[in-house]
């Protein structure tokens, strides 16, 4: 696996992860348009932004990994339906 980008809500938030700052962005579109990115990992939490992001990622043909229990509990049927529809 090669980490290509990290989309966050706030690029200025201090982070403990040893990831170069230039890899952080607030631009989900850059992930959606990049054919070199095959898998996205959703670690945002919450439901509404995560739901929209996951559905858009699936529609763009990306595989999505999430441990977001709130998302799956409230929108699991919609997410899994979209995953099947987009392969």
N, C-alpha and C. Protein backbone atom coordinates (compact mmCIF):
# COMPACT_ATOMS: atom_id res chain seq x y z
N UNK A 1 0.84 -1.18 0.00
CA UNK A 1 0.00 0.00 0.00
C UNK A 1 0.88 1.23 0.00
N UNK A 2 0.41 2.23 -0.72
CA UNK A 2 1.12 3.51 -0.75
C UNK A 2 0.13 4.60 -0.37
N UNK A 3 0.44 5.34 0.68
CA UNK A 3 -0.41 6.44 1.10
C UNK A 3 -0.20 7.61 0.14
N UNK A 4 -1.28 8.03 -0.51
CA UNK A 4 -1.17 9.09 -1.53
C UNK A 4 -1.64 10.44 -1.01
N UNK A 5 -2.75 10.45 -0.26
CA UNK A 5 -3.33 11.69 0.25
C UNK A 5 -4.10 11.40 1.52
N UNK A 6 -4.24 12.45 2.33
CA UNK A 6 -5.05 12.37 3.54
C UNK A 6 -6.01 13.55 3.51
N UNK A 7 -7.30 13.27 3.41
CA UNK A 7 -8.30 14.33 3.41
C UNK A 7 -8.79 14.50 4.83
N UNK A 8 -8.71 15.74 5.31
CA UNK A 8 -9.12 16.07 6.67
C UNK A 8 -10.02 17.30 6.64
N UNK A 9 -10.70 17.54 7.74
CA UNK A 9 -11.54 18.74 7.83
C UNK A 9 -10.70 19.99 8.11
N UNK A 10 -9.60 19.82 8.85
CA UNK A 10 -8.78 20.97 9.25
C UNK A 10 -7.30 20.59 9.07
N UNK A 11 -6.65 21.15 8.05
CA UNK A 11 -5.25 20.82 7.79
C UNK A 11 -4.31 21.39 8.84
N UNK A 12 -4.78 22.36 9.62
CA UNK A 12 -3.93 23.00 10.63
C UNK A 12 -4.00 22.34 12.00
N UNK A 13 -4.87 21.37 12.15
CA UNK A 13 -4.99 20.66 13.42
C UNK A 13 -3.71 19.88 13.69
N UNK A 14 -3.15 19.99 14.90
CA UNK A 14 -1.95 19.21 15.22
C UNK A 14 -2.25 17.71 15.17
N UNK A 15 -1.33 16.95 14.61
CA UNK A 15 -1.52 15.51 14.46
C UNK A 15 -0.27 14.77 14.94
N UNK A 16 -0.49 13.64 15.56
CA UNK A 16 0.62 12.85 16.07
C UNK A 16 1.22 11.94 15.00
N UNK A 17 0.47 11.68 13.95
CA UNK A 17 0.94 10.77 12.90
C UNK A 17 2.15 11.34 12.17
N UNK A 18 3.14 10.50 11.90
CA UNK A 18 4.34 10.99 11.19
C UNK A 18 4.12 11.04 9.67
N UNK A 19 3.15 11.85 9.26
CA UNK A 19 2.81 11.99 7.84
C UNK A 19 3.20 13.40 7.41
N UNK A 20 3.89 13.53 6.29
CA UNK A 20 4.28 14.87 5.84
C UNK A 20 3.07 15.79 5.68
N UNK A 21 3.18 17.00 6.15
CA UNK A 21 2.08 17.97 6.13
C UNK A 21 1.51 18.18 4.72
N UNK A 22 2.36 18.12 3.70
CA UNK A 22 1.89 18.38 2.34
C UNK A 22 0.95 17.29 1.81
N UNK A 23 0.85 16.17 2.51
CA UNK A 23 -0.07 15.11 2.09
C UNK A 23 -1.50 15.40 2.55
N UNK A 24 -1.67 16.33 3.49
CA UNK A 24 -2.99 16.64 4.02
C UNK A 24 -3.69 17.66 3.13
N UNK A 25 -5.00 17.45 2.95
CA UNK A 25 -5.81 18.34 2.13
C UNK A 25 -7.25 18.29 2.63
N UNK A 26 -8.01 19.30 2.30
CA UNK A 26 -9.45 19.28 2.59
C UNK A 26 -10.24 18.94 1.32
N UNK A 27 -9.55 18.59 0.25
CA UNK A 27 -10.15 18.42 -1.07
C UNK A 27 -10.49 16.96 -1.38
N UNK A 28 -11.71 16.56 -1.06
CA UNK A 28 -12.15 15.20 -1.38
C UNK A 28 -12.14 14.96 -2.89
N UNK A 29 -12.40 16.01 -3.66
CA UNK A 29 -12.41 15.88 -5.12
C UNK A 29 -11.09 15.33 -5.66
N UNK A 30 -9.99 15.68 -5.02
CA UNK A 30 -8.68 15.20 -5.49
C UNK A 30 -8.59 13.68 -5.39
N UNK A 31 -9.25 13.10 -4.41
CA UNK A 31 -9.28 11.64 -4.26
C UNK A 31 -10.20 11.04 -5.33
N UNK A 32 -11.35 11.66 -5.49
CA UNK A 32 -12.34 11.15 -6.45
C UNK A 32 -11.80 11.14 -7.87
N UNK A 33 -11.00 12.13 -8.24
CA UNK A 33 -10.50 12.25 -9.61
C UNK A 33 -9.21 11.48 -9.87
N UNK A 34 -8.54 11.03 -8.84
CA UNK A 34 -7.23 10.39 -9.00
C UNK A 34 -7.39 8.90 -9.32
N UNK A 35 -7.12 8.49 -10.57
CA UNK A 35 -7.28 7.08 -10.92
C UNK A 35 -6.26 6.17 -10.23
N UNK A 36 -5.21 6.75 -9.69
CA UNK A 36 -4.20 5.96 -8.98
C UNK A 36 -4.62 5.57 -7.58
N UNK A 37 -5.68 6.18 -7.09
CA UNK A 37 -6.17 5.85 -5.75
C UNK A 37 -7.30 4.84 -5.92
N UNK A 38 -7.07 3.64 -5.41
CA UNK A 38 -8.04 2.56 -5.56
C UNK A 38 -8.84 2.32 -4.29
N UNK A 39 -8.24 2.65 -3.13
CA UNK A 39 -8.86 2.37 -1.84
C UNK A 39 -8.85 3.65 -1.01
N UNK A 40 -9.97 3.94 -0.38
CA UNK A 40 -10.06 5.07 0.55
C UNK A 40 -10.43 4.52 1.92
N UNK A 41 -9.83 5.09 2.94
CA UNK A 41 -10.13 4.69 4.31
C UNK A 41 -10.81 5.88 4.98
N UNK A 42 -12.04 5.68 5.44
CA UNK A 42 -12.81 6.74 6.09
C UNK A 42 -12.61 6.63 7.58
N UNK A 43 -12.03 7.67 8.18
CA UNK A 43 -11.76 7.68 9.62
C UNK A 43 -12.31 8.94 10.28
N UNK A 44 -13.24 9.59 9.61
CA UNK A 44 -13.74 10.87 10.09
C UNK A 44 -14.66 10.71 11.30
N UNK A 45 -15.51 9.72 11.26
CA UNK A 45 -16.50 9.58 12.31
C UNK A 45 -17.74 10.40 11.99
N UNK A 46 -18.72 10.33 12.87
CA UNK A 46 -19.97 11.02 12.60
C UNK A 46 -20.72 10.32 11.48
N UNK A 47 -21.78 10.96 11.00
CA UNK A 47 -22.55 10.28 9.96
C UNK A 47 -22.73 11.08 8.68
N UNK A 48 -23.07 12.35 8.77
CA UNK A 48 -23.50 13.02 7.54
C UNK A 48 -22.36 13.26 6.55
N UNK A 49 -21.25 13.87 6.98
CA UNK A 49 -20.14 14.07 6.05
C UNK A 49 -19.60 12.71 5.59
N UNK A 50 -19.48 11.80 6.52
CA UNK A 50 -18.96 10.46 6.19
C UNK A 50 -19.85 9.76 5.18
N UNK A 51 -21.16 9.84 5.37
CA UNK A 51 -22.10 9.21 4.43
C UNK A 51 -21.92 9.77 3.03
N UNK A 52 -21.91 11.08 2.92
CA UNK A 52 -21.75 11.70 1.61
C UNK A 52 -20.41 11.32 0.97
N UNK A 53 -19.34 11.35 1.76
CA UNK A 53 -18.01 11.02 1.23
C UNK A 53 -17.95 9.57 0.78
N UNK A 54 -18.44 8.64 1.60
CA UNK A 54 -18.40 7.22 1.26
C UNK A 54 -19.21 6.94 0.00
N UNK A 55 -20.40 7.52 -0.10
CA UNK A 55 -21.22 7.31 -1.29
C UNK A 55 -20.54 7.86 -2.54
N UNK A 56 -19.92 9.01 -2.44
CA UNK A 56 -19.22 9.59 -3.59
C UNK A 56 -18.00 8.76 -3.96
N UNK A 57 -17.27 8.26 -2.96
CA UNK A 57 -16.11 7.42 -3.23
C UNK A 57 -16.53 6.13 -3.95
N UNK A 58 -17.60 5.52 -3.48
CA UNK A 58 -18.09 4.30 -4.12
C UNK A 58 -18.52 4.59 -5.55
N UNK A 59 -19.22 5.69 -5.75
CA UNK A 59 -19.67 6.07 -7.10
C UNK A 59 -18.48 6.30 -8.03
N UNK A 60 -17.37 6.77 -7.47
CA UNK A 60 -16.15 7.01 -8.26
C UNK A 60 -15.36 5.73 -8.49
N UNK A 61 -15.87 4.59 -8.00
CA UNK A 61 -15.20 3.32 -8.23
C UNK A 61 -14.12 2.96 -7.23
N UNK A 62 -14.08 3.68 -6.10
CA UNK A 62 -13.07 3.40 -5.07
C UNK A 62 -13.61 2.36 -4.10
N UNK A 63 -12.74 1.49 -3.63
CA UNK A 63 -13.09 0.63 -2.52
C UNK A 63 -12.99 1.48 -1.26
N UNK A 64 -13.86 1.23 -0.29
CA UNK A 64 -13.88 2.03 0.93
C UNK A 64 -13.77 1.12 2.13
N UNK A 65 -12.90 1.50 3.04
CA UNK A 65 -12.74 0.80 4.32
C UNK A 65 -13.19 1.77 5.40
N UNK A 66 -14.06 1.32 6.29
CA UNK A 66 -14.49 2.17 7.40
C UNK A 66 -14.72 1.32 8.64
N UNK A 67 -14.51 1.92 9.79
CA UNK A 67 -14.87 1.30 11.06
C UNK A 67 -15.91 2.19 11.74
N UNK A 68 -16.58 3.02 10.95
CA UNK A 68 -17.53 4.00 11.45
C UNK A 68 -18.85 3.30 11.78
N UNK A 69 -18.98 2.90 13.02
CA UNK A 69 -20.17 2.15 13.44
C UNK A 69 -21.43 3.00 13.36
N UNK A 70 -21.32 4.28 13.67
CA UNK A 70 -22.49 5.17 13.59
C UNK A 70 -22.98 5.27 12.14
N UNK A 71 -22.06 5.41 11.22
CA UNK A 71 -22.42 5.48 9.80
C UNK A 71 -23.14 4.21 9.37
N UNK A 72 -22.56 3.06 9.70
CA UNK A 72 -23.15 1.79 9.28
C UNK A 72 -24.46 1.49 9.99
N UNK A 73 -24.59 1.94 11.24
CA UNK A 73 -25.84 1.71 11.97
C UNK A 73 -26.98 2.54 11.40
N UNK A 74 -26.69 3.76 10.98
CA UNK A 74 -27.76 4.64 10.50
C UNK A 74 -27.95 4.61 8.99
N UNK A 75 -26.89 4.34 8.24
CA UNK A 75 -26.98 4.37 6.78
C UNK A 75 -26.41 3.12 6.12
N UNK A 76 -26.29 2.04 6.88
CA UNK A 76 -25.67 0.81 6.37
C UNK A 76 -26.35 0.26 5.13
N UNK A 77 -27.66 0.23 5.12
CA UNK A 77 -28.37 -0.30 3.96
C UNK A 77 -28.03 0.51 2.72
N UNK A 78 -28.04 1.84 2.84
CA UNK A 78 -27.73 2.70 1.71
C UNK A 78 -26.28 2.52 1.25
N UNK A 79 -25.35 2.43 2.19
CA UNK A 79 -23.93 2.26 1.86
C UNK A 79 -23.69 0.92 1.19
N UNK A 80 -24.23 -0.15 1.73
CA UNK A 80 -24.00 -1.47 1.15
C UNK A 80 -24.70 -1.62 -0.20
N UNK A 81 -25.84 -0.99 -0.35
CA UNK A 81 -26.53 -1.00 -1.65
C UNK A 81 -25.67 -0.29 -2.69
N UNK A 82 -25.13 0.86 -2.32
CA UNK A 82 -24.25 1.61 -3.25
C UNK A 82 -23.00 0.80 -3.57
N UNK A 83 -22.45 0.13 -2.57
CA UNK A 83 -21.24 -0.67 -2.81
C UNK A 83 -21.53 -1.78 -3.82
N UNK A 84 -22.66 -2.45 -3.68
CA UNK A 84 -23.01 -3.49 -4.65
C UNK A 84 -23.27 -2.90 -6.04
N UNK A 85 -23.96 -1.78 -6.08
CA UNK A 85 -24.30 -1.15 -7.35
C UNK A 85 -23.04 -0.72 -8.12
N UNK A 86 -22.02 -0.28 -7.39
CA UNK A 86 -20.80 0.22 -8.04
C UNK A 86 -19.67 -0.81 -8.07
N UNK A 87 -20.00 -2.02 -7.70
CA UNK A 87 -19.03 -3.10 -7.82
C UNK A 87 -17.97 -3.09 -6.76
